[in-house]
Amino acid sequence: MCGIFGYVGKRNDAGSLVIDGLKNLEYRGYDSWGIACKTDSKVSIEKDIGKISSIKSEDFSSNCSLAIGHTRWATHGGVTQQNAHPHANGTETIAVVHNGILENYQQLRRDLESKGHEFKSETDTEIIPHMIEEYMKETGDFTSAIKKSCEAFEGRFAFLALHTESNTLVAARRGSPL
């Protein structure tokens, strides 16, 4: 079980808004936490093990109008900083936070590795931004790439995906609440 939270809007304090939202969801995951903010053309990610309740939201008030965050209760992979969400693609233009279990992630990961994708964690979540990146090569569109990725996933999931180049936040789910 995990908690996910996102914000896109006109305010430039999305980071602190997401931290405050995650504090309300801490009961859904207390192993680790993380936040991703769109900064220029890349994603800025901060994450750590432990409870988010000790973090000050004002520390994340950088000029950011698009952010996602996560509190984690570990299911795939140990409780480490590398396994904490969010996870990004190789170019750090896509970031994802996820709740659920992708049952076929090992096969999808092998397929992505054979295409040159490199992974930093042991989680099923990390394949999501890489799958989206791979399908964007085919579709040229972030939302279409998410739809195609979801078709490839087996299991129950809910996730938020942030794309810096299109300044977009998309929510997707199958069988899990969002």
N, C-alpha and C. Protein backbone atom coordinates (compact mmCIF):
# COMPACT_ATOMS: atom_id res chain seq x y z
N MET A 1 0.85 -1.17 0.00
CA MET A 1 0.00 0.00 0.00
C MET A 1 0.90 1.23 0.00
N CYS A 2 0.49 2.25 -0.74
CA CYS A 2 1.26 3.47 -0.85
C CYS A 2 0.30 4.65 -0.95
N GLY A 3 0.84 5.83 -0.78
CA GLY A 3 0.06 7.05 -0.99
C GLY A 3 0.70 7.85 -2.11
N ILE A 4 -0.12 8.32 -3.05
CA ILE A 4 0.40 9.15 -4.14
C ILE A 4 -0.39 10.45 -4.18
N PHE A 5 0.30 11.51 -4.57
CA PHE A 5 -0.30 12.84 -4.56
C PHE A 5 0.35 13.66 -5.67
N GLY A 6 -0.42 14.48 -6.35
CA GLY A 6 0.14 15.32 -7.40
C GLY A 6 -0.54 16.67 -7.47
N TYR A 7 0.15 17.62 -8.08
CA TYR A 7 -0.40 18.96 -8.29
C TYR A 7 0.13 19.51 -9.60
N VAL A 8 -0.78 20.10 -10.36
CA VAL A 8 -0.42 20.90 -11.53
C VAL A 8 -1.33 22.12 -11.50
N GLY A 9 -0.75 23.29 -11.67
CA GLY A 9 -1.56 24.50 -11.60
C GLY A 9 -0.73 25.75 -11.75
N LYS A 10 -1.33 26.87 -11.39
CA LYS A 10 -0.68 28.16 -11.55
C LYS A 10 0.23 28.52 -10.39
N ARG A 11 0.02 27.91 -9.24
CA ARG A 11 0.86 28.22 -8.08
C ARG A 11 2.28 27.71 -8.33
N ASN A 12 3.27 28.39 -7.78
CA ASN A 12 4.65 27.96 -7.98
C ASN A 12 5.23 27.27 -6.75
N ASP A 13 4.36 26.82 -5.85
CA ASP A 13 4.82 26.10 -4.65
C ASP A 13 4.30 24.67 -4.64
N ALA A 14 4.29 24.04 -5.82
CA ALA A 14 3.76 22.68 -5.94
C ALA A 14 4.49 21.70 -5.03
N GLY A 15 5.78 21.88 -4.86
CA GLY A 15 6.55 20.98 -4.00
C GLY A 15 6.04 20.95 -2.58
N SER A 16 5.82 22.13 -2.00
CA SER A 16 5.33 22.17 -0.62
C SER A 16 3.89 21.68 -0.53
N LEU A 17 3.08 21.94 -1.56
CA LEU A 17 1.70 21.43 -1.58
C LEU A 17 1.69 19.90 -1.57
N VAL A 18 2.56 19.30 -2.37
CA VAL A 18 2.62 17.84 -2.44
C VAL A 18 3.13 17.25 -1.12
N ILE A 19 4.14 17.85 -0.52
CA ILE A 19 4.63 17.37 0.78
C ILE A 19 3.50 17.39 1.80
N ASP A 20 2.74 18.50 1.86
CA ASP A 20 1.62 18.57 2.80
C ASP A 20 0.58 17.50 2.51
N GLY A 21 0.31 17.26 1.23
CA GLY A 21 -0.63 16.20 0.86
C GLY A 21 -0.15 14.83 1.27
N LEU A 22 1.13 14.57 1.10
CA LEU A 22 1.70 13.27 1.48
C LEU A 22 1.66 13.05 2.98
N LYS A 23 1.82 14.11 3.74
CA LYS A 23 1.74 13.97 5.20
C LYS A 23 0.37 13.45 5.62
N ASN A 24 -0.67 13.84 4.88
CA ASN A 24 -2.02 13.34 5.17
C ASN A 24 -2.20 11.89 4.73
N LEU A 25 -1.30 11.39 3.90
CA LEU A 25 -1.38 10.01 3.40
C LEU A 25 -0.32 9.11 4.01
N GLU A 26 0.41 9.60 5.00
CA GLU A 26 1.53 8.83 5.55
C GLU A 26 1.09 7.46 6.08
N TYR A 27 -0.13 7.34 6.56
CA TYR A 27 -0.61 6.05 7.06
C TYR A 27 -0.61 4.99 5.96
N ARG A 28 -0.54 5.39 4.69
CA ARG A 28 -0.53 4.44 3.58
C ARG A 28 0.88 3.95 3.23
N GLY A 29 1.88 4.52 3.87
CA GLY A 29 3.26 4.09 3.62
C GLY A 29 4.22 4.91 4.44
N TYR A 30 5.04 4.24 5.21
CA TYR A 30 5.97 4.93 6.11
C TYR A 30 7.40 4.44 5.96
N ASP A 31 7.66 3.59 4.97
CA ASP A 31 9.02 3.09 4.74
C ASP A 31 9.91 4.15 4.09
N SER A 32 9.34 4.91 3.15
CA SER A 32 10.11 5.93 2.44
C SER A 32 9.15 6.93 1.82
N TRP A 33 9.72 8.00 1.30
CA TRP A 33 8.92 9.06 0.67
C TRP A 33 9.75 9.66 -0.46
N GLY A 34 9.06 10.37 -1.35
CA GLY A 34 9.77 11.05 -2.42
C GLY A 34 8.89 12.05 -3.13
N ILE A 35 9.54 12.98 -3.81
CA ILE A 35 8.83 14.03 -4.55
C ILE A 35 9.61 14.33 -5.83
N ALA A 36 8.87 14.61 -6.90
CA ALA A 36 9.48 15.03 -8.17
C ALA A 36 8.83 16.34 -8.58
N CYS A 37 9.66 17.32 -8.92
CA CYS A 37 9.19 18.63 -9.39
C CYS A 37 9.76 18.89 -10.77
N LYS A 38 8.95 19.48 -11.62
CA LYS A 38 9.44 19.88 -12.94
C LYS A 38 10.27 21.14 -12.76
N THR A 39 11.51 21.06 -13.16
CA THR A 39 12.39 22.22 -13.16
C THR A 39 13.02 22.31 -14.54
N ASP A 40 12.76 23.39 -15.24
CA ASP A 40 13.23 23.57 -16.60
C ASP A 40 12.81 22.38 -17.46
N SER A 41 13.74 21.68 -18.08
CA SER A 41 13.39 20.56 -18.96
C SER A 41 13.61 19.20 -18.31
N LYS A 42 13.99 19.19 -17.03
CA LYS A 42 14.26 17.92 -16.33
C LYS A 42 13.40 17.83 -15.08
N VAL A 43 13.45 16.65 -14.48
CA VAL A 43 12.74 16.40 -13.24
C VAL A 43 13.74 16.47 -12.10
N SER A 44 13.40 17.21 -11.07
CA SER A 44 14.21 17.25 -9.85
C SER A 44 13.56 16.31 -8.84
N ILE A 45 14.30 15.30 -8.40
CA ILE A 45 13.76 14.28 -7.50
C ILE A 45 14.48 14.33 -6.16
N GLU A 46 13.69 14.34 -5.09
CA GLU A 46 14.19 14.22 -3.72
C GLU A 46 13.48 13.02 -3.11
N LYS A 47 14.22 12.11 -2.49
CA LYS A 47 13.60 10.96 -1.85
C LYS A 47 14.50 10.42 -0.76
N ASP A 48 13.88 9.73 0.20
CA ASP A 48 14.65 9.21 1.31
C ASP A 48 13.84 8.12 2.02
N ILE A 49 14.52 7.34 2.84
CA ILE A 49 13.83 6.35 3.65
C ILE A 49 13.35 7.04 4.94
N GLY A 50 12.34 6.47 5.56
CA GLY A 50 11.80 7.03 6.79
C GLY A 50 10.47 7.72 6.56
N LYS A 51 9.97 8.30 7.63
CA LYS A 51 8.65 8.94 7.61
C LYS A 51 8.73 10.36 7.06
N ILE A 52 7.70 10.73 6.33
CA ILE A 52 7.65 12.08 5.76
C ILE A 52 7.24 13.11 6.79
N SER A 53 6.67 12.69 7.90
CA SER A 53 6.17 13.64 8.90
C SER A 53 7.27 14.54 9.45
N SER A 54 8.53 14.13 9.36
CA SER A 54 9.63 14.95 9.88
C SER A 54 10.14 15.97 8.86
N ILE A 55 9.61 15.96 7.64
CA ILE A 55 10.07 16.85 6.59
C ILE A 55 9.30 18.16 6.65
N LYS A 56 9.97 19.28 6.44
CA LYS A 56 9.32 20.59 6.42
C LYS A 56 8.89 20.91 5.00
N SER A 57 7.60 21.18 4.80
CA SER A 57 7.10 21.46 3.46
C SER A 57 7.71 22.72 2.87
N GLU A 58 8.07 23.69 3.70
CA GLU A 58 8.66 24.93 3.17
C GLU A 58 10.03 24.69 2.54
N ASP A 59 10.67 23.56 2.84
CA ASP A 59 11.94 23.23 2.20
C ASP A 59 11.76 22.88 0.72
N PHE A 60 10.51 22.68 0.29
CA PHE A 60 10.22 22.28 -1.08
C PHE A 60 9.39 23.34 -1.80
N SER A 61 9.62 24.59 -1.49
CA SER A 61 8.83 25.66 -2.08
C SER A 61 9.53 26.30 -3.27
N SER A 62 10.40 25.54 -3.93
CA SER A 62 11.10 26.07 -5.10
C SER A 62 10.10 26.42 -6.19
N ASN A 63 10.55 27.16 -7.16
CA ASN A 63 9.68 27.61 -8.24
C ASN A 63 9.25 26.43 -9.10
N CYS A 64 8.14 25.82 -8.72
CA CYS A 64 7.68 24.58 -9.34
C CYS A 64 6.16 24.59 -9.36
N SER A 65 5.56 24.40 -10.55
CA SER A 65 4.10 24.39 -10.66
C SER A 65 3.56 23.01 -11.02
N LEU A 66 4.42 22.01 -11.07
CA LEU A 66 4.04 20.65 -11.43
C LEU A 66 4.87 19.69 -10.58
N ALA A 67 4.19 18.88 -9.75
CA ALA A 67 4.92 17.98 -8.85
C ALA A 67 4.09 16.75 -8.53
N ILE A 68 4.78 15.65 -8.24
CA ILE A 68 4.15 14.41 -7.78
C ILE A 68 4.94 13.90 -6.59
N GLY A 69 4.26 13.13 -5.73
CA GLY A 69 4.93 12.60 -4.56
C GLY A 69 4.38 11.26 -4.15
N HIS A 70 5.08 10.61 -3.21
CA HIS A 70 4.78 9.22 -2.87
C HIS A 70 5.23 8.91 -1.46
N THR A 71 4.41 8.16 -0.74
CA THR A 71 4.84 7.52 0.51
C THR A 71 4.77 6.03 0.25
N ARG A 72 5.80 5.29 0.65
CA ARG A 72 5.93 3.89 0.23
C ARG A 72 5.86 2.92 1.40
N TRP A 73 5.12 1.88 1.16
CA TRP A 73 5.14 0.68 1.98
C TRP A 73 5.70 -0.39 1.04
N ALA A 74 6.91 -0.84 1.27
CA ALA A 74 7.65 -1.67 0.32
C ALA A 74 6.94 -2.99 0.00
N THR A 75 6.81 -3.29 -1.30
CA THR A 75 6.30 -4.58 -1.76
C THR A 75 7.33 -5.27 -2.66
N HIS A 76 7.89 -4.56 -3.64
CA HIS A 76 8.96 -5.08 -4.50
C HIS A 76 10.23 -4.31 -4.18
N GLY A 77 11.25 -5.01 -3.75
CA GLY A 77 12.51 -4.37 -3.41
C GLY A 77 12.54 -3.92 -1.96
N GLY A 78 13.73 -3.85 -1.42
CA GLY A 78 13.91 -3.49 -0.02
C GLY A 78 13.65 -2.02 0.25
N VAL A 79 13.73 -1.67 1.52
CA VAL A 79 13.55 -0.28 1.95
C VAL A 79 14.90 0.43 1.81
N THR A 80 15.11 1.01 0.64
CA THR A 80 16.34 1.74 0.34
C THR A 80 15.98 3.05 -0.36
N GLN A 81 16.92 3.97 -0.36
CA GLN A 81 16.69 5.23 -1.05
C GLN A 81 16.50 5.00 -2.56
N GLN A 82 17.25 4.06 -3.14
CA GLN A 82 17.12 3.77 -4.57
C GLN A 82 15.73 3.25 -4.91
N ASN A 83 15.10 2.50 -4.00
CA ASN A 83 13.78 1.94 -4.27
C ASN A 83 12.64 2.89 -3.96
N ALA A 84 12.92 3.99 -3.26
CA ALA A 84 11.89 4.99 -2.98
C ALA A 84 11.43 5.62 -4.30
N HIS A 85 10.17 5.96 -4.37
CA HIS A 85 9.62 6.65 -5.53
C HIS A 85 9.80 8.15 -5.33
N PRO A 86 9.75 8.95 -6.36
CA PRO A 86 9.48 8.69 -7.76
C PRO A 86 10.67 8.06 -8.48
N HIS A 87 10.33 7.47 -9.63
CA HIS A 87 11.35 6.93 -10.52
C HIS A 87 11.25 7.68 -11.85
N ALA A 88 12.40 7.83 -12.51
CA ALA A 88 12.45 8.58 -13.77
C ALA A 88 13.01 7.72 -14.89
N ASN A 89 12.77 8.16 -16.11
CA ASN A 89 13.38 7.52 -17.27
C ASN A 89 14.83 7.96 -17.36
N GLY A 90 15.56 7.46 -18.33
CA GLY A 90 16.99 7.74 -18.44
C GLY A 90 17.33 9.20 -18.68
N THR A 91 16.48 9.93 -19.39
CA THR A 91 16.75 11.34 -19.67
C THR A 91 16.13 12.27 -18.63
N GLU A 92 15.50 11.71 -17.63
CA GLU A 92 14.88 12.46 -16.53
C GLU A 92 13.86 13.49 -17.02
N THR A 93 13.08 13.10 -18.03
CA THR A 93 11.99 13.95 -18.52
C THR A 93 10.63 13.39 -18.12
N ILE A 94 10.61 12.15 -17.63
CA ILE A 94 9.38 11.49 -17.18
C ILE A 94 9.62 10.97 -15.77
N ALA A 95 8.69 11.25 -14.86
CA ALA A 95 8.77 10.72 -13.50
C ALA A 95 7.43 10.09 -13.15
N VAL A 96 7.48 9.03 -12.33
CA VAL A 96 6.28 8.27 -11.99
C VAL A 96 6.27 7.93 -10.50
N VAL A 97 5.08 8.02 -9.90
CA VAL A 97 4.80 7.45 -8.59
C VAL A 97 3.68 6.44 -8.79
N HIS A 98 3.70 5.34 -8.01
CA HIS A 98 2.85 4.20 -8.34
C HIS A 98 2.39 3.49 -7.07
N ASN A 99 1.17 3.02 -7.11
CA ASN A 99 0.63 2.14 -6.07
C ASN A 99 0.07 0.91 -6.78
N GLY A 100 0.42 -0.26 -6.30
CA GLY A 100 -0.06 -1.49 -6.92
C GLY A 100 1.08 -2.44 -7.20
N ILE A 101 0.76 -3.46 -7.97
CA ILE A 101 1.76 -4.47 -8.32
C ILE A 101 1.65 -4.77 -9.81
N LEU A 102 2.76 -4.61 -10.52
CA LEU A 102 2.83 -4.99 -11.93
C LEU A 102 3.37 -6.41 -11.98
N GLU A 103 2.49 -7.35 -12.24
CA GLU A 103 2.84 -8.77 -12.15
C GLU A 103 3.86 -9.20 -13.19
N ASN A 104 3.90 -8.55 -14.33
CA ASN A 104 4.81 -8.95 -15.40
C ASN A 104 6.01 -8.02 -15.53
N TYR A 105 6.37 -7.33 -14.45
CA TYR A 105 7.44 -6.33 -14.55
C TYR A 105 8.79 -6.96 -14.88
N GLN A 106 9.06 -8.18 -14.44
CA GLN A 106 10.38 -8.77 -14.70
C GLN A 106 10.58 -9.00 -16.19
N GLN A 107 9.57 -9.50 -16.88
CA GLN A 107 9.67 -9.71 -18.32
C GLN A 107 9.78 -8.38 -19.05
N LEU A 108 8.96 -7.40 -18.65
CA LEU A 108 9.02 -6.08 -19.28
C LEU A 108 10.38 -5.43 -19.05
N ARG A 109 10.92 -5.61 -17.87
CA ARG A 109 12.25 -5.05 -17.56
C ARG A 109 13.32 -5.67 -18.46
N ARG A 110 13.28 -6.99 -18.63
CA ARG A 110 14.25 -7.65 -19.51
C ARG A 110 14.12 -7.12 -20.94
N ASP A 111 12.89 -6.95 -21.40
CA ASP A 111 12.66 -6.42 -22.75
C ASP A 111 13.25 -5.02 -22.89
N LEU A 112 13.03 -4.18 -21.87
CA LEU A 112 13.56 -2.82 -21.91
C LEU A 112 15.08 -2.80 -21.83
N GLU A 113 15.65 -3.67 -20.99
CA GLU A 113 17.12 -3.76 -20.90
C GLU A 113 17.72 -4.16 -22.23
N SER A 114 17.05 -5.04 -22.97
CA SER A 114 17.56 -5.46 -24.28
C SER A 114 17.54 -4.31 -25.29
N LYS A 115 16.75 -3.27 -24.99
CA LYS A 115 16.69 -2.08 -25.85
C LYS A 115 17.59 -0.96 -25.33
N GLY A 116 18.39 -1.25 -24.29
CA GLY A 116 19.35 -0.28 -23.79
C GLY A 116 18.95 0.51 -22.55
N HIS A 117 17.78 0.24 -22.00
CA HIS A 117 17.35 0.95 -20.79
C HIS A 117 18.12 0.43 -19.59
N GLU A 118 18.51 1.35 -18.71
CA GLU A 118 19.24 1.00 -17.49
C GLU A 118 18.38 1.33 -16.28
N PHE A 119 18.43 0.46 -15.27
CA PHE A 119 17.60 0.61 -14.08
C PHE A 119 18.47 0.79 -12.85
N LYS A 120 17.95 1.55 -11.88
CA LYS A 120 18.69 1.86 -10.66
C LYS A 120 18.09 1.21 -9.43
N SER A 121 16.88 0.64 -9.55
CA SER A 121 16.19 0.11 -8.37
C SER A 121 15.78 -1.34 -8.60
N GLU A 122 15.15 -1.91 -7.57
CA GLU A 122 14.62 -3.27 -7.66
C GLU A 122 13.10 -3.27 -7.79
N THR A 123 12.49 -2.11 -8.01
CA THR A 123 11.03 -2.00 -7.96
C THR A 123 10.38 -2.27 -9.31
N ASP A 124 9.12 -2.67 -9.24
CA ASP A 124 8.33 -2.80 -10.46
C ASP A 124 7.99 -1.43 -11.04
N THR A 125 7.92 -0.42 -10.20
CA THR A 125 7.55 0.93 -10.64
C THR A 125 8.50 1.50 -11.67
N GLU A 126 9.77 1.23 -11.53
CA GLU A 126 10.77 1.88 -12.39
C GLU A 126 10.59 1.54 -13.87
N ILE A 127 9.91 0.45 -14.17
CA ILE A 127 9.71 0.16 -15.60
C ILE A 127 8.71 1.12 -16.24
N ILE A 128 7.83 1.73 -15.44
CA ILE A 128 6.76 2.57 -16.01
C ILE A 128 7.32 3.75 -16.81
N PRO A 129 8.19 4.60 -16.25
CA PRO A 129 8.69 5.71 -17.07
C PRO A 129 9.48 5.25 -18.29
N HIS A 130 10.15 4.11 -18.17
CA HIS A 130 10.90 3.58 -19.31
C HIS A 130 9.96 3.05 -20.40
N MET A 131 8.87 2.42 -19.98
CA MET A 131 7.87 1.95 -20.96
C MET A 131 7.25 3.14 -21.68
N ILE A 132 6.90 4.18 -20.92
CA ILE A 132 6.32 5.38 -21.52
C ILE A 132 7.31 5.99 -22.52
N GLU A 133 8.57 6.09 -22.12
CA GLU A 133 9.60 6.64 -23.01
C GLU A 133 9.69 5.81 -24.30
N GLU A 134 9.66 4.50 -24.16
CA GLU A 134 9.77 3.62 -25.33
C GLU A 134 8.57 3.80 -26.26
N TYR A 135 7.36 3.87 -25.71
CA TYR A 135 6.17 4.05 -26.55
C TYR A 135 6.07 5.46 -27.12
N MET A 136 6.70 6.44 -26.47
CA MET A 136 6.72 7.79 -27.05
C MET A 136 7.52 7.82 -28.35
N LYS A 137 8.50 6.95 -28.47
CA LYS A 137 9.25 6.85 -29.73
C LYS A 137 8.32 6.44 -30.86
N GLU A 138 7.33 5.62 -30.53
CA GLU A 138 6.38 5.10 -31.52
C GLU A 138 5.24 6.08 -31.77
N THR A 139 4.68 6.65 -30.69
CA THR A 139 3.47 7.47 -30.81
C THR A 139 3.75 8.96 -30.91
N GLY A 140 4.87 9.41 -30.33
CA GLY A 140 5.17 10.83 -30.30
C GLY A 140 4.32 11.63 -29.34
N ASP A 141 3.52 10.93 -28.54
CA ASP A 141 2.57 11.60 -27.64
C ASP A 141 2.60 10.96 -26.26
N PHE A 142 2.72 11.79 -25.22
CA PHE A 142 2.82 11.31 -23.84
C PHE A 142 1.59 10.50 -23.42
N THR A 143 0.41 11.05 -23.63
CA THR A 143 -0.81 10.37 -23.21
C THR A 143 -1.02 9.06 -23.96
N SER A 144 -0.78 9.05 -25.25
CA SER A 144 -0.91 7.81 -26.04
C SER A 144 0.10 6.77 -25.58
N ALA A 145 1.30 7.21 -25.23
CA ALA A 145 2.32 6.28 -24.74
C ALA A 145 1.92 5.67 -23.40
N ILE A 146 1.25 6.44 -22.56
CA ILE A 146 0.75 5.90 -21.29
C ILE A 146 -0.32 4.85 -21.55
N LYS A 147 -1.23 5.13 -22.46
CA LYS A 147 -2.28 4.16 -22.78
C LYS A 147 -1.68 2.85 -23.28
N LYS A 148 -0.70 2.93 -24.17
CA LYS A 148 -0.06 1.72 -24.69
C LYS A 148 0.70 0.98 -23.59
N SER A 149 1.34 1.73 -22.71
CA SER A 149 2.05 1.11 -21.58
C SER A 149 1.08 0.35 -20.70
N CYS A 150 -0.05 0.97 -20.38
CA CYS A 150 -1.05 0.32 -19.52
C CYS A 150 -1.57 -0.97 -20.14
N GLU A 151 -1.68 -1.00 -21.45
CA GLU A 151 -2.11 -2.22 -22.13
C GLU A 151 -1.11 -3.35 -21.93
N ALA A 152 0.16 -3.02 -21.77
CA ALA A 152 1.21 -4.04 -21.59
C ALA A 152 1.31 -4.53 -20.15
N PHE A 153 0.81 -3.74 -19.19
CA PHE A 153 0.94 -4.10 -17.78
C PHE A 153 -0.09 -5.14 -17.38
N GLU A 154 0.34 -6.11 -16.57
CA GLU A 154 -0.57 -7.08 -15.96
C GLU A 154 -0.60 -6.78 -14.47
N GLY A 155 -1.79 -6.78 -13.90
CA GLY A 155 -1.94 -6.52 -12.47
C GLY A 155 -2.81 -5.31 -12.21
N ARG A 156 -2.86 -4.96 -10.93
CA ARG A 156 -3.66 -3.82 -10.47
C ARG A 156 -2.70 -2.68 -10.15
N PHE A 157 -3.06 -1.47 -10.57
CA PHE A 157 -2.15 -0.35 -10.37
C PHE A 157 -2.89 0.98 -10.43
N ALA A 158 -2.26 1.97 -9.87
CA ALA A 158 -2.63 3.37 -10.03
C ALA A 158 -1.32 4.14 -10.04
N PHE A 159 -1.18 5.08 -10.96
CA PHE A 159 0.05 5.87 -10.98
C PHE A 159 -0.20 7.28 -11.51
N LEU A 160 0.72 8.15 -11.16
CA LEU A 160 0.80 9.50 -11.71
C LEU A 160 2.09 9.59 -12.50
N ALA A 161 2.00 10.16 -13.69
CA ALA A 161 3.18 10.34 -14.53
C ALA A 161 3.31 11.81 -14.91
N LEU A 162 4.50 12.33 -14.74
CA LEU A 162 4.81 13.73 -15.02
C LEU A 162 5.75 13.77 -16.23
N HIS A 163 5.46 14.67 -17.17
CA HIS A 163 6.32 14.82 -18.35
C HIS A 163 6.75 16.28 -18.45
N THR A 164 8.05 16.51 -18.41
CA THR A 164 8.55 17.89 -18.38
C THR A 164 8.39 18.59 -19.72
N GLU A 165 8.58 17.88 -20.83
CA GLU A 165 8.58 18.52 -22.14
C GLU A 165 7.20 19.02 -22.54
N SER A 166 6.13 18.32 -22.13
CA SER A 166 4.78 18.77 -22.45
C SER A 166 4.10 19.44 -21.26
N ASN A 167 4.82 19.55 -20.13
CA ASN A 167 4.28 20.16 -18.91
C ASN A 167 2.95 19.50 -18.53
N THR A 168 2.96 18.17 -18.50
CA THR A 168 1.73 17.39 -18.34
C THR A 168 1.83 16.45 -17.15
N LEU A 169 0.69 16.28 -16.48
CA LEU A 169 0.54 15.29 -15.41
C LEU A 169 -0.65 14.42 -15.79
N VAL A 170 -0.43 13.10 -15.84
CA VAL A 170 -1.48 12.15 -16.21
C VAL A 170 -1.64 11.13 -15.10
N ALA A 171 -2.89 10.80 -14.78
CA ALA A 171 -3.21 9.75 -13.83
C ALA A 171 -3.76 8.55 -14.60
N ALA A 172 -3.36 7.36 -14.19
CA ALA A 172 -3.85 6.13 -14.83
C ALA A 172 -4.08 5.08 -13.75
N ARG A 173 -5.04 4.21 -14.01
CA ARG A 173 -5.31 3.16 -13.03
C ARG A 173 -6.00 1.96 -13.69
N ARG A 174 -5.84 0.81 -13.05
CA ARG A 174 -6.58 -0.39 -13.40
C ARG A 174 -6.75 -1.19 -12.12
N GLY A 175 -7.98 -1.32 -11.65
CA GLY A 175 -8.29 -2.16 -10.51
C GLY A 175 -7.88 -1.62 -9.16
N SER A 176 -7.24 -0.48 -9.11
CA SER A 176 -6.84 0.17 -7.86
C SER A 176 -7.46 1.56 -7.80
N PRO A 177 -7.80 2.01 -6.61
CA PRO A 177 -8.38 3.36 -6.51
C PRO A 177 -7.33 4.43 -6.76
N LEU A 178 -7.80 5.56 -7.18
CA LEU A 178 -6.91 6.70 -7.40
C LEU A 178 -7.54 7.93 -6.80
